[in-house]
PDB file of N, CA and C in Angstrom:
ATOM      1  N   MET A   1     -14.207  14.024 -11.183  1.00  0.00           N
ATOM      2  CA  MET A   1     -13.196  13.482 -10.308  1.00  0.00           C
ATOM      3  C   MET A   1     -13.883  12.706  -9.197  1.00  0.00           C
ATOM      4  N   GLY A   2     -13.349  11.511  -8.835  1.00  0.00           N
ATOM      5  CA  GLY A   2     -13.941  10.677  -7.817  1.00  0.00           C
ATOM      6  C   GLY A   2     -13.646  11.192  -6.425  1.00  0.00           C
ATOM      7  N   SER A   3     -14.366  10.640  -5.473  1.00  0.00           N
ATOM      8  CA  SER A   3     -14.144  11.052  -4.092  1.00  0.00           C
ATOM      9  C   SER A   3     -12.878  10.399  -3.546  1.00  0.00           C
ATOM     10  N   THR A   4     -12.347  11.008  -2.503  1.00  0.00           N
ATOM     11  CA  THR A   4     -11.128  10.505  -1.883  1.00  0.00           C
ATOM     12  C   THR A   4     -11.445   9.304  -1.005  1.00  0.00           C
ATOM     13  N   THR A   5     -10.621   8.281  -1.133  1.00  0.00           N
ATOM     14  CA  THR A   5     -10.750   7.038  -0.382  1.00  0.00           C
ATOM     15  C   THR A   5      -9.418   6.746   0.293  1.00  0.00           C
ATOM     16  N   ARG A   6      -9.464   6.107   1.450  1.00  0.00           N
ATOM     17  CA  ARG A   6      -8.241   5.633   2.107  1.00  0.00           C
ATOM     18  C   ARG A   6      -8.466   4.186   2.508  1.00  0.00           C
ATOM     19  N   LYS A   7      -7.500   3.338   2.179  1.00  0.00           N
ATOM     20  CA  LYS A   7      -7.594   1.927   2.546  1.00  0.00           C
ATOM     21  C   LYS A   7      -6.350   1.514   3.314  1.00  0.00           C
ATOM     22  N   HIS A   8      -6.587   0.644   4.280  1.00  0.00           N
ATOM     23  CA  HIS A   8      -5.531   0.054   5.101  1.00  0.00           C
ATOM     24  C   HIS A   8      -5.400  -1.398   4.663  1.00  0.00           C
ATOM     25  N   ALA A   9      -4.176  -1.838   4.400  1.00  0.00           N
ATOM     26  CA  ALA A   9      -3.946  -3.217   3.969  1.00  0.00           C
ATOM     27  C   ALA A   9      -2.802  -3.816   4.771  1.00  0.00           C
ATOM     28  N   VAL A  10      -2.930  -5.089   5.087  1.00  0.00           N
ATOM     29  CA  VAL A  10      -1.842  -5.847   5.689  1.00  0.00           C
ATOM     30  C   VAL A  10      -1.530  -6.985   4.727  1.00  0.00           C
ATOM     31  N   VAL A  11      -0.283  -6.988   4.242  1.00  0.00           N
ATOM     32  CA  VAL A  11       0.150  -7.952   3.237  1.00  0.00           C
ATOM     33  C   VAL A  11       0.959  -9.046   3.933  1.00  0.00           C
ATOM     34  N   THR A  12       0.541 -10.292   3.721  1.00  0.00           N
ATOM     35  CA  THR A  12       1.162 -11.451   4.351  1.00  0.00           C
ATOM     36  C   THR A  12       1.892 -12.280   3.302  1.00  0.00           C
ATOM     37  N   GLY A  13       2.966 -12.926   3.713  1.00  0.00           N
ATOM     38  CA  GLY A  13       3.746 -13.791   2.839  1.00  0.00           C
ATOM     39  C   GLY A  13       5.219 -13.495   3.016  1.00  0.00           C
ATOM     40  N   ALA A  14       6.015 -13.813   2.003  1.00  0.00           N
ATOM     41  CA  ALA A  14       7.438 -13.462   2.005  1.00  0.00           C
ATOM     42  C   ALA A  14       7.535 -12.049   1.447  1.00  0.00           C
ATOM     43  N   VAL A  15       7.288 -11.054   2.328  1.00  0.00           N
ATOM     44  CA  VAL A  15       7.152  -9.670   1.873  1.00  0.00           C
ATOM     45  C   VAL A  15       8.123  -8.709   2.555  1.00  0.00           C
ATOM     46  N   GLN A  16       8.951  -9.210   3.469  1.00  0.00           N
ATOM     47  CA  GLN A  16       9.970  -8.359   4.087  1.00  0.00           C
ATOM     48  C   GLN A  16      11.339  -8.776   3.575  1.00  0.00           C
ATOM     49  N   GLY A  17      12.218  -7.783   3.398  1.00  0.00           N
ATOM     50  CA  GLY A  17      13.566  -8.059   2.912  1.00  0.00           C
ATOM     51  C   GLY A  17      13.633  -8.323   1.419  1.00  0.00           C
ATOM     52  N   VAL A  18      12.554  -7.988   0.700  1.00  0.00           N
ATOM     53  CA  VAL A  18      12.503  -8.247  -0.744  1.00  0.00           C
ATOM     54  C   VAL A  18      12.176  -6.986  -1.538  1.00  0.00           C
ATOM     55  N   GLY A  19      12.237  -5.818  -0.876  1.00  0.00           N
ATOM     56  CA  GLY A  19      11.956  -4.556  -1.563  1.00  0.00           C
ATOM     57  C   GLY A  19      10.486  -4.240  -1.710  1.00  0.00           C
ATOM     58  N   PHE A  20       9.622  -4.903  -0.937  1.00  0.00           N
ATOM     59  CA  PHE A  20       8.178  -4.718  -1.093  1.00  0.00           C
ATOM     60  C   PHE A  20       7.741  -3.290  -0.799  1.00  0.00           C
ATOM     61  N   ARG A  21       8.257  -2.692   0.280  1.00  0.00           N
ATOM     62  CA  ARG A  21       7.849  -1.322   0.627  1.00  0.00           C
ATOM     63  C   ARG A  21       8.263  -0.334  -0.458  1.00  0.00           C
ATOM     64  N   TYR A  22       9.473  -0.497  -0.983  1.00  0.00           N
ATOM     65  CA  TYR A  22       9.965   0.426  -2.015  1.00  0.00           C
ATOM     66  C   TYR A  22       9.179   0.254  -3.312  1.00  0.00           C
ATOM     67  N   TRP A  23       8.875  -0.976  -3.660  1.00  0.00           N
ATOM     68  CA  TRP A  23       8.058  -1.263  -4.840  1.00  0.00           C
ATOM     69  C   TRP A  23       6.670  -0.634  -4.675  1.00  0.00           C
ATOM     70  N   THR A  24       6.093  -0.796  -3.473  1.00  0.00           N
ATOM     71  CA  THR A  24       4.775  -0.217  -3.197  1.00  0.00           C
ATOM     72  C   THR A  24       4.811   1.295  -3.327  1.00  0.00           C
ATOM     73  N   ALA A  25       5.858   1.921  -2.790  1.00  0.00           N
ATOM     74  CA  ALA A  25       5.981   3.384  -2.867  1.00  0.00           C
ATOM     75  C   ALA A  25       6.070   3.851  -4.316  1.00  0.00           C
ATOM     76  N   ARG A  26       6.817   3.136  -5.153  1.00  0.00           N
ATOM     77  CA  ARG A  26       6.908   3.505  -6.577  1.00  0.00           C
ATOM     78  C   ARG A  26       5.545   3.397  -7.257  1.00  0.00           C
ATOM     79  N   LYS A  27       4.826   2.315  -6.983  1.00  0.00           N
ATOM     80  CA  LYS A  27       3.498   2.137  -7.579  1.00  0.00           C
ATOM     81  C   LYS A  27       2.540   3.222  -7.091  1.00  0.00           C
ATOM     82  N   ALA A  28       2.567   3.516  -5.792  1.00  0.00           N
ATOM     83  CA  ALA A  28       1.683   4.539  -5.224  1.00  0.00           C
ATOM     84  C   ALA A  28       2.010   5.916  -5.790  1.00  0.00           C
ATOM     85  N   ASP A  29       3.302   6.224  -5.918  1.00  0.00           N
ATOM     86  CA  ASP A  29       3.702   7.510  -6.508  1.00  0.00           C
ATOM     87  C   ASP A  29       3.187   7.624  -7.938  1.00  0.00           C
ATOM     88  N   GLY A  30       3.284   6.535  -8.694  1.00  0.00           N
ATOM     89  CA  GLY A  30       2.801   6.538 -10.072  1.00  0.00           C
ATOM     90  C   GLY A  30       1.301   6.771 -10.171  1.00  0.00           C
ATOM     91  N   LEU A  31       0.579   6.369  -9.133  1.00  0.00           N
ATOM     92  CA  LEU A  31      -0.873   6.569  -9.085  1.00  0.00           C
ATOM     93  C   LEU A  31      -1.245   7.872  -8.382  1.00  0.00           C
ATOM     94  N   GLU A  32      -0.233   8.631  -7.968  1.00  0.00           N
ATOM     95  CA  GLU A  32      -0.414   9.909  -7.266  1.00  0.00           C
ATOM     96  C   GLU A  32      -1.195   9.740  -5.964  1.00  0.00           C
ATOM     97  N   LEU A  33      -0.856   8.692  -5.220  1.00  0.00           N
ATOM     98  CA  LEU A  33      -1.483   8.427  -3.932  1.00  0.00           C
ATOM     99  C   LEU A  33      -0.596   8.927  -2.800  1.00  0.00           C
ATOM    100  N   VAL A  34      -1.189   9.166  -1.661  1.00  0.00           N
ATOM    101  CA  VAL A  34      -0.446   9.493  -0.449  1.00  0.00           C
ATOM    102  C   VAL A  34      -0.661   8.371   0.554  1.00  0.00           C
ATOM    103  N   GLY A  35       0.219   8.306   1.552  1.00  0.00           N
ATOM    104  CA  GLY A  35       0.090   7.284   2.577  1.00  0.00           C
ATOM    105  C   GLY A  35       1.446   6.757   2.972  1.00  0.00           C
ATOM    106  N   TYR A  36       1.494   5.460   3.322  1.00  0.00           N
ATOM    107  CA  TYR A  36       2.757   4.885   3.784  1.00  0.00           C
ATOM    108  C   TYR A  36       2.768   3.371   3.626  1.00  0.00           C
ATOM    109  N   ALA A  37       3.974   2.822   3.714  1.00  0.00           N
ATOM    110  CA  ALA A  37       4.188   1.381   3.807  1.00  0.00           C
ATOM    111  C   ALA A  37       5.224   1.161   4.895  1.00  0.00           C
ATOM    112  N   ARG A  38       5.008   0.145   5.731  1.00  0.00           N
ATOM    113  CA  ARG A  38       5.999  -0.167   6.764  1.00  0.00           C
ATOM    114  C   ARG A  38       5.954  -1.641   7.115  1.00  0.00           C
ATOM    115  N   ASN A  39       7.118  -2.159   7.524  1.00  0.00           N
ATOM    116  CA  ASN A  39       7.214  -3.525   8.008  1.00  0.00           C
ATOM    117  C   ASN A  39       6.641  -3.591   9.414  1.00  0.00           C
ATOM    118  N   LEU A  40       5.914  -4.661   9.703  1.00  0.00           N
ATOM    119  CA  LEU A  40       5.428  -4.912  11.052  1.00  0.00           C
ATOM    120  C   LEU A  40       6.251  -6.041  11.674  1.00  0.00           C
ATOM    121  N   PHE A  41       6.248  -6.110  12.990  1.00  0.00           N
ATOM    122  CA  PHE A  41       7.077  -7.077  13.707  1.00  0.00           C
ATOM    123  C   PHE A  41       6.714  -8.527  13.409  1.00  0.00           C
ATOM    124  N   ASP A  42       5.501  -8.776  12.951  1.00  0.00           N
ATOM    125  CA  ASP A  42       5.078 -10.157  12.684  1.00  0.00           C
ATOM    126  C   ASP A  42       5.451 -10.647  11.288  1.00  0.00           C
ATOM    127  N   GLY A  43       6.226  -9.844  10.536  1.00  0.00           N
ATOM    128  CA  GLY A  43       6.671 -10.262   9.209  1.00  0.00           C
ATOM    129  C   GLY A  43       5.785  -9.792   8.076  1.00  0.00           C
ATOM    130  N   THR A  44       4.713  -9.079   8.392  1.00  0.00           N
ATOM    131  CA  THR A  44       3.824  -8.550   7.364  1.00  0.00           C
ATOM    132  C   THR A  44       4.241  -7.134   6.986  1.00  0.00           C
ATOM    133  N   VAL A  45       3.619  -6.605   5.939  1.00  0.00           N
ATOM    134  CA  VAL A  45       3.806  -5.210   5.546  1.00  0.00           C
ATOM    135  C   VAL A  45       2.452  -4.523   5.640  1.00  0.00           C
ATOM    136  N   GLU A  46       2.436  -3.375   6.315  1.00  0.00           N
ATOM    137  CA  GLU A  46       1.228  -2.566   6.454  1.00  0.00           C
ATOM    138  C   GLU A  46       1.284  -1.437   5.437  1.00  0.00           C
ATOM    139  N   VAL A  47       0.176  -1.222   4.738  1.00  0.00           N
ATOM    140  CA  VAL A  47       0.084  -0.160   3.731  1.00  0.00           C
ATOM    141  C   VAL A  47      -1.194   0.624   3.981  1.00  0.00           C
ATOM    142  N   GLU A  48      -1.086   1.949   3.963  1.00  0.00           N
ATOM    143  CA  GLU A  48      -2.272   2.803   3.906  1.00  0.00           C
ATOM    144  C   GLU A  48      -2.094   3.712   2.708  1.00  0.00           C
ATOM    145  N   ALA A  49      -3.128   3.782   1.884  1.00  0.00           N
ATOM    146  CA  ALA A  49      -3.074   4.597   0.672  1.00  0.00           C
ATOM    147  C   ALA A  49      -4.345   5.414   0.559  1.00  0.00           C
ATOM    148  N   GLU A  50      -4.175   6.671   0.146  1.00  0.00           N
ATOM    149  CA  GLU A  50      -5.298   7.601   0.029  1.00  0.00           C
ATOM    150  C   GLU A  50      -5.236   8.323  -1.305  1.00  0.00           C
ATOM    151  N   GLY A  51      -6.406   8.497  -1.906  1.00  0.00           N
ATOM    152  CA  GLY A  51      -6.512   9.205  -3.171  1.00  0.00           C
ATOM    153  C   GLY A  51      -7.843   8.866  -3.817  1.00  0.00           C
ATOM    154  N   PRO A  52      -7.968   9.120  -5.120  1.00  0.00           N
ATOM    155  CA  PRO A  52      -9.202   8.760  -5.821  1.00  0.00           C
ATOM    156  C   PRO A  52      -9.461   7.253  -5.715  1.00  0.00           C
ATOM    157  N   GLY A  53     -10.708   6.887  -5.490  1.00  0.00           N
ATOM    158  CA  GLY A  53     -11.067   5.488  -5.303  1.00  0.00           C
ATOM    159  C   GLY A  53     -10.492   4.523  -6.325  1.00  0.00           C
ATOM    160  N   PRO A  54     -10.608   4.809  -7.641  1.00  0.00           N
ATOM    161  CA  PRO A  54     -10.071   3.873  -8.630  1.00  0.00           C
ATOM    162  C   PRO A  54      -8.555   3.678  -8.517  1.00  0.00           C
ATOM    163  N   ALA A  55      -7.822   4.726  -8.151  1.00  0.00           N
ATOM    164  CA  ALA A  55      -6.368   4.614  -8.009  1.00  0.00           C
ATOM    165  C   ALA A  55      -6.009   3.782  -6.778  1.00  0.00           C
ATOM    166  N   VAL A  56      -6.726   3.985  -5.681  1.00  0.00           N
ATOM    167  CA  VAL A  56      -6.484   3.187  -4.474  1.00  0.00           C
ATOM    168  C   VAL A  56      -6.797   1.723  -4.756  1.00  0.00           C
ATOM    169  N   ASP A  57      -7.899   1.462  -5.442  1.00  0.00           N
ATOM    170  CA  ASP A  57      -8.259   0.087  -5.796  1.00  0.00           C
ATOM    171  C   ASP A  57      -7.210  -0.546  -6.699  1.00  0.00           C
ATOM    172  N   ALA A  58      -6.644   0.234  -7.622  1.00  0.00           N
ATOM    173  CA  ALA A  58      -5.595  -0.282  -8.511  1.00  0.00           C
ATOM    174  C   ALA A  58      -4.369  -0.694  -7.702  1.00  0.00           C
ATOM    175  N   LEU A  59      -4.006   0.098  -6.691  1.00  0.00           N
ATOM    176  CA  LEU A  59      -2.861  -0.269  -5.856  1.00  0.00           C
ATOM    177  C   LEU A  59      -3.149  -1.554  -5.091  1.00  0.00           C
ATOM    178  N   VAL A  60      -4.354  -1.700  -4.572  1.00  0.00           N
ATOM    179  CA  VAL A  60      -4.710  -2.923  -3.844  1.00  0.00           C
ATOM    180  C   VAL A  60      -4.554  -4.142  -4.752  1.00  0.00           C
ATOM    181  N   VAL A  61      -4.970  -4.033  -5.999  1.00  0.00           N
ATOM    182  CA  VAL A  61      -4.803  -5.140  -6.952  1.00  0.00           C
ATOM    183  C   VAL A  61      -3.320  -5.460  -7.119  1.00  0.00           C
ATOM    184  N   MET A  62      -2.478  -4.431  -7.238  1.00  0.00           N
ATOM    185  CA  MET A  62      -1.032  -4.642  -7.379  1.00  0.00           C
ATOM    186  C   MET A  62      -0.443  -5.303  -6.136  1.00  0.00           C
ATOM    187  N   LEU A  63      -0.927  -4.925  -4.955  1.00  0.00           N
ATOM    188  CA  LEU A  63      -0.415  -5.512  -3.715  1.00  0.00           C
ATOM    189  C   LEU A  63      -0.641  -7.016  -3.680  1.00  0.00           C
ATOM    190  N   ARG A  64      -1.693  -7.489  -4.324  1.00  0.00           N
ATOM    191  CA  ARG A  64      -2.015  -8.916  -4.290  1.00  0.00           C
ATOM    192  C   ARG A  64      -0.978  -9.773  -5.019  1.00  0.00           C
ATOM    193  N   SER A  65      -0.202  -9.157  -5.924  1.00  0.00           N
ATOM    194  CA  SER A  65       0.866  -9.910  -6.584  1.00  0.00           C
ATOM    195  C   SER A  65       2.241  -9.473  -6.104  1.00  0.00           C
ATOM    196  N   GLY A  66       2.414  -8.180  -5.841  1.00  0.00           N
ATOM    197  CA  GLY A  66       3.692  -7.682  -5.342  1.00  0.00           C
ATOM    198  C   GLY A  66       4.786  -7.739  -6.384  1.00  0.00           C
ATOM    199  N   PRO A  67       6.009  -7.376  -5.982  1.00  0.00           N
ATOM    200  CA  PRO A  67       7.137  -7.429  -6.907  1.00  0.00           C
ATOM    201  C   PRO A  67       7.546  -8.883  -7.154  1.00  0.00           C
ATOM    202  N   PRO A  68       8.327  -9.138  -8.209  1.00  0.00           N
ATOM    203  CA  PRO A  68       8.737 -10.516  -8.514  1.00  0.00           C
ATOM    204  C   PRO A  68       9.489 -11.196  -7.367  1.00  0.00           C
ATOM    205  N   SER A  69      10.166 -10.418  -6.525  1.00  0.00           N
ATOM    206  CA  SER A  69      10.956 -10.983  -5.429  1.00  0.00           C
ATOM    207  C   SER A  69      10.108 -11.409  -4.228  1.00  0.00           C
ATOM    208  N   ALA A  70       8.827 -11.063  -4.222  1.00  0.00           N
ATOM    209  CA  ALA A  70       7.947 -11.357  -3.084  1.00  0.00           C
ATOM    210  C   ALA A  70       7.006 -12.512  -3.402  1.00  0.00           C
ATOM    211  N   THR A  71       6.515 -13.132  -2.340  1.00  0.00           N
ATOM    212  CA  THR A  71       5.449 -14.126  -2.451  1.00  0.00           C
ATOM    213  C   THR A  71       4.326 -13.678  -1.528  1.00  0.00           C
ATOM    214  N   VAL A  72       3.242 -13.196  -2.113  1.00  0.00           N
ATOM    215  CA  VAL A  72       2.104 -12.710  -1.336  1.00  0.00           C
ATOM    216  C   VAL A  72       1.118 -13.856  -1.141  1.00  0.00           C
ATOM    217  N   THR A  73       0.747 -14.106   0.121  1.00  0.00           N
ATOM    218  CA  THR A  73      -0.228 -15.162   0.403  1.00  0.00           C
ATOM    219  C   THR A  73      -1.594 -14.603   0.777  1.00  0.00           C
ATOM    220  N   ASP A  74      -1.635 -13.337   1.257  1.00  0.00           N
ATOM    221  CA  ASP A  74      -2.918 -12.741   1.630  1.00  0.00           C
ATOM    222  C   ASP A  74      -2.775 -11.227   1.703  1.00  0.00           C
ATOM    223  N   VAL A  75      -3.858 -10.530   1.400  1.00  0.00           N
ATOM    224  CA  VAL A  75      -3.932  -9.081   1.595  1.00  0.00           C
ATOM    225  C   VAL A  75      -5.268  -8.800   2.273  1.00  0.00           C
ATOM    226  N   ALA A  76      -5.207  -8.376   3.529  1.00  0.00           N
ATOM    227  CA  ALA A  76      -6.410  -8.011   4.282  1.00  0.00           C
ATOM    228  C   ALA A  76      -6.608  -6.510   4.135  1.00  0.00           C
ATOM    229  N   VAL A  77      -7.746  -6.112   3.574  1.00  0.00           N
ATOM    230  CA  VAL A  77      -7.991  -4.702   3.255  1.00  0.00           C
ATOM    231  C   VAL A  77      -9.252  -4.226   3.964  1.00  0.00           C
ATOM    232  N   ARG A  78      -9.176  -3.005   4.489  1.00  0.00           N
ATOM    233  CA  ARG A  78     -10.376  -2.364   5.037  1.00  0.00           C
ATOM    234  C   ARG A  78     -10.315  -0.885   4.712  1.00  0.00           C
ATOM    235  N   GLU A  79     -11.485  -0.306   4.556  1.00  0.00           N
ATOM    236  CA  GLU A  79     -11.563   1.125   4.283  1.00  0.00           C
ATOM    237  C   GLU A  79     -11.476   1.875   5.604  1.00  0.00           C
ATOM    238  N   VAL A  80     -10.710   2.964   5.609  1.00  0.00           N
ATOM    239  CA  VAL A  80     -10.570   3.817   6.789  1.00  0.00           C
ATOM    240  C   VAL A  80     -10.859   5.253   6.377  1.00  0.00           C
ATOM    241  N   ALA A  81     -11.011   6.123   7.353  1.00  0.00           N
ATOM    242  CA  ALA A  81     -11.337   7.524   7.067  1.00  0.00           C
ATOM    243  C   ALA A  81     -10.154   8.236   6.420  1.00  0.00           C
ATOM    244  N   PRO A  82     -10.386   8.972   5.331  1.00  0.00           N
ATOM    245  CA  PRO A  82      -9.311   9.756   4.714  1.00  0.00           C
ATOM    246  C   PRO A  82      -8.762  10.779   5.707  1.00  0.00           C
ATOM    247  N   LEU A  83      -7.451  11.016   5.633  1.00  0.00           N
ATOM    248  CA  LEU A  83      -6.793  11.956   6.536  1.00  0.00           C
ATOM    249  C   LEU A  83      -6.513  13.301   5.888  1.00  0.00           C
ATOM    250  N   GLY A  84      -6.665  13.379   4.556  1.00  0.00           N
ATOM    251  CA  GLY A  84      -6.383  14.637   3.870  1.00  0.00           C
ATOM    252  C   GLY A  84      -4.902  14.957   3.781  1.00  0.00           C
ATOM    253  N   GLU A  85      -4.074  13.923   3.818  1.00  0.00           N
ATOM    254  CA  GLU A  85      -2.625  14.122   3.710  1.00  0.00           C
ATOM    255  C   GLU A  85      -2.266  14.656   2.332  1.00  0.00           C
ATOM    256  N   ASP A  86      -1.166  15.380   2.276  1.00  0.00           N
ATOM    257  CA  ASP A  86      -0.702  15.853   0.970  1.00  0.00           C
ATOM    258  C   ASP A  86       0.815  15.779   0.858  1.00  0.00           C
ATOM    259  N   ASP A  87       1.443  14.952   1.692  1.00  0.00           N
ATOM    260  CA  ASP A  87       2.907  14.898   1.695  1.00  0.00           C
ATOM    261  C   ASP A  87       3.470  13.658   1.020  1.00  0.00           C
ATOM    262  N   GLY A  88       2.753  13.111   0.074  1.00  0.00           N
ATOM    263  CA  GLY A  88       3.268  12.000  -0.712  1.00  0.00           C
ATOM    264  C   GLY A  88       3.139  10.656  -0.019  1.00  0.00           C
ATOM    265  N   PHE A  89       3.760   9.667  -0.623  1.00  0.00           N
ATOM    266  CA  PHE A  89       3.733   8.306  -0.095  1.00  0.00           C
ATOM    267  C   PHE A  89       5.077   8.037   0.553  1.00  0.00           C
ATOM    268  N   ARG A  90       5.056   7.608   1.813  1.00  0.00           N
ATOM    269  CA  ARG A  90       6.284   7.457   2.587  1.00  0.00           C
ATOM    270  C   ARG A  90       6.554   5.994   2.936  1.00  0.00           C
ATOM    271  N   ILE A  91       7.822   5.697   3.107  1.00  0.00           N
ATOM    272  CA  ILE A  91       8.241   4.413   3.656  1.00  0.00           C
ATOM    273  C   ILE A  91       8.598   4.679   5.109  1.00  0.00           C
ATOM    274  N   LEU A  92       7.884   4.044   6.017  1.00  0.00           N
ATOM    275  CA  LEU A  92       8.135   4.233   7.442  1.00  0.00           C
ATOM    276  C   LEU A  92       9.042   3.128   7.954  1.00  0.00           C
ATOM    277  N   HIS A  93       9.833   3.476   8.937  1.00  0.00           N
ATOM    278  CA  HIS A  93      10.769   2.505   9.540  1.00  0.00           C
ATOM    279  C   HIS A  93      10.436   2.296  10.997  1.00  0.00           C
TER     280      HIS A  93
END
């Protein structure tokens, strides 16, 4: 089993009002990741995901295309310290 990784991503483009957070939560749940997705005031979506490195990396790849209703222009990703969360992937408001 791989080590736990947590990544922070900010997704830019037409990503609010198109179901991006809910789509992200479904993908993260399918990968058994924990973390959150939330809209930011500047029109971007912030995502933090934690779990096995390959699963977190797979979610980052998915974020780069997003759901069919979204247009992603950029995904800025950085690694952050794992928090050891175990309460699933949440949509924050």
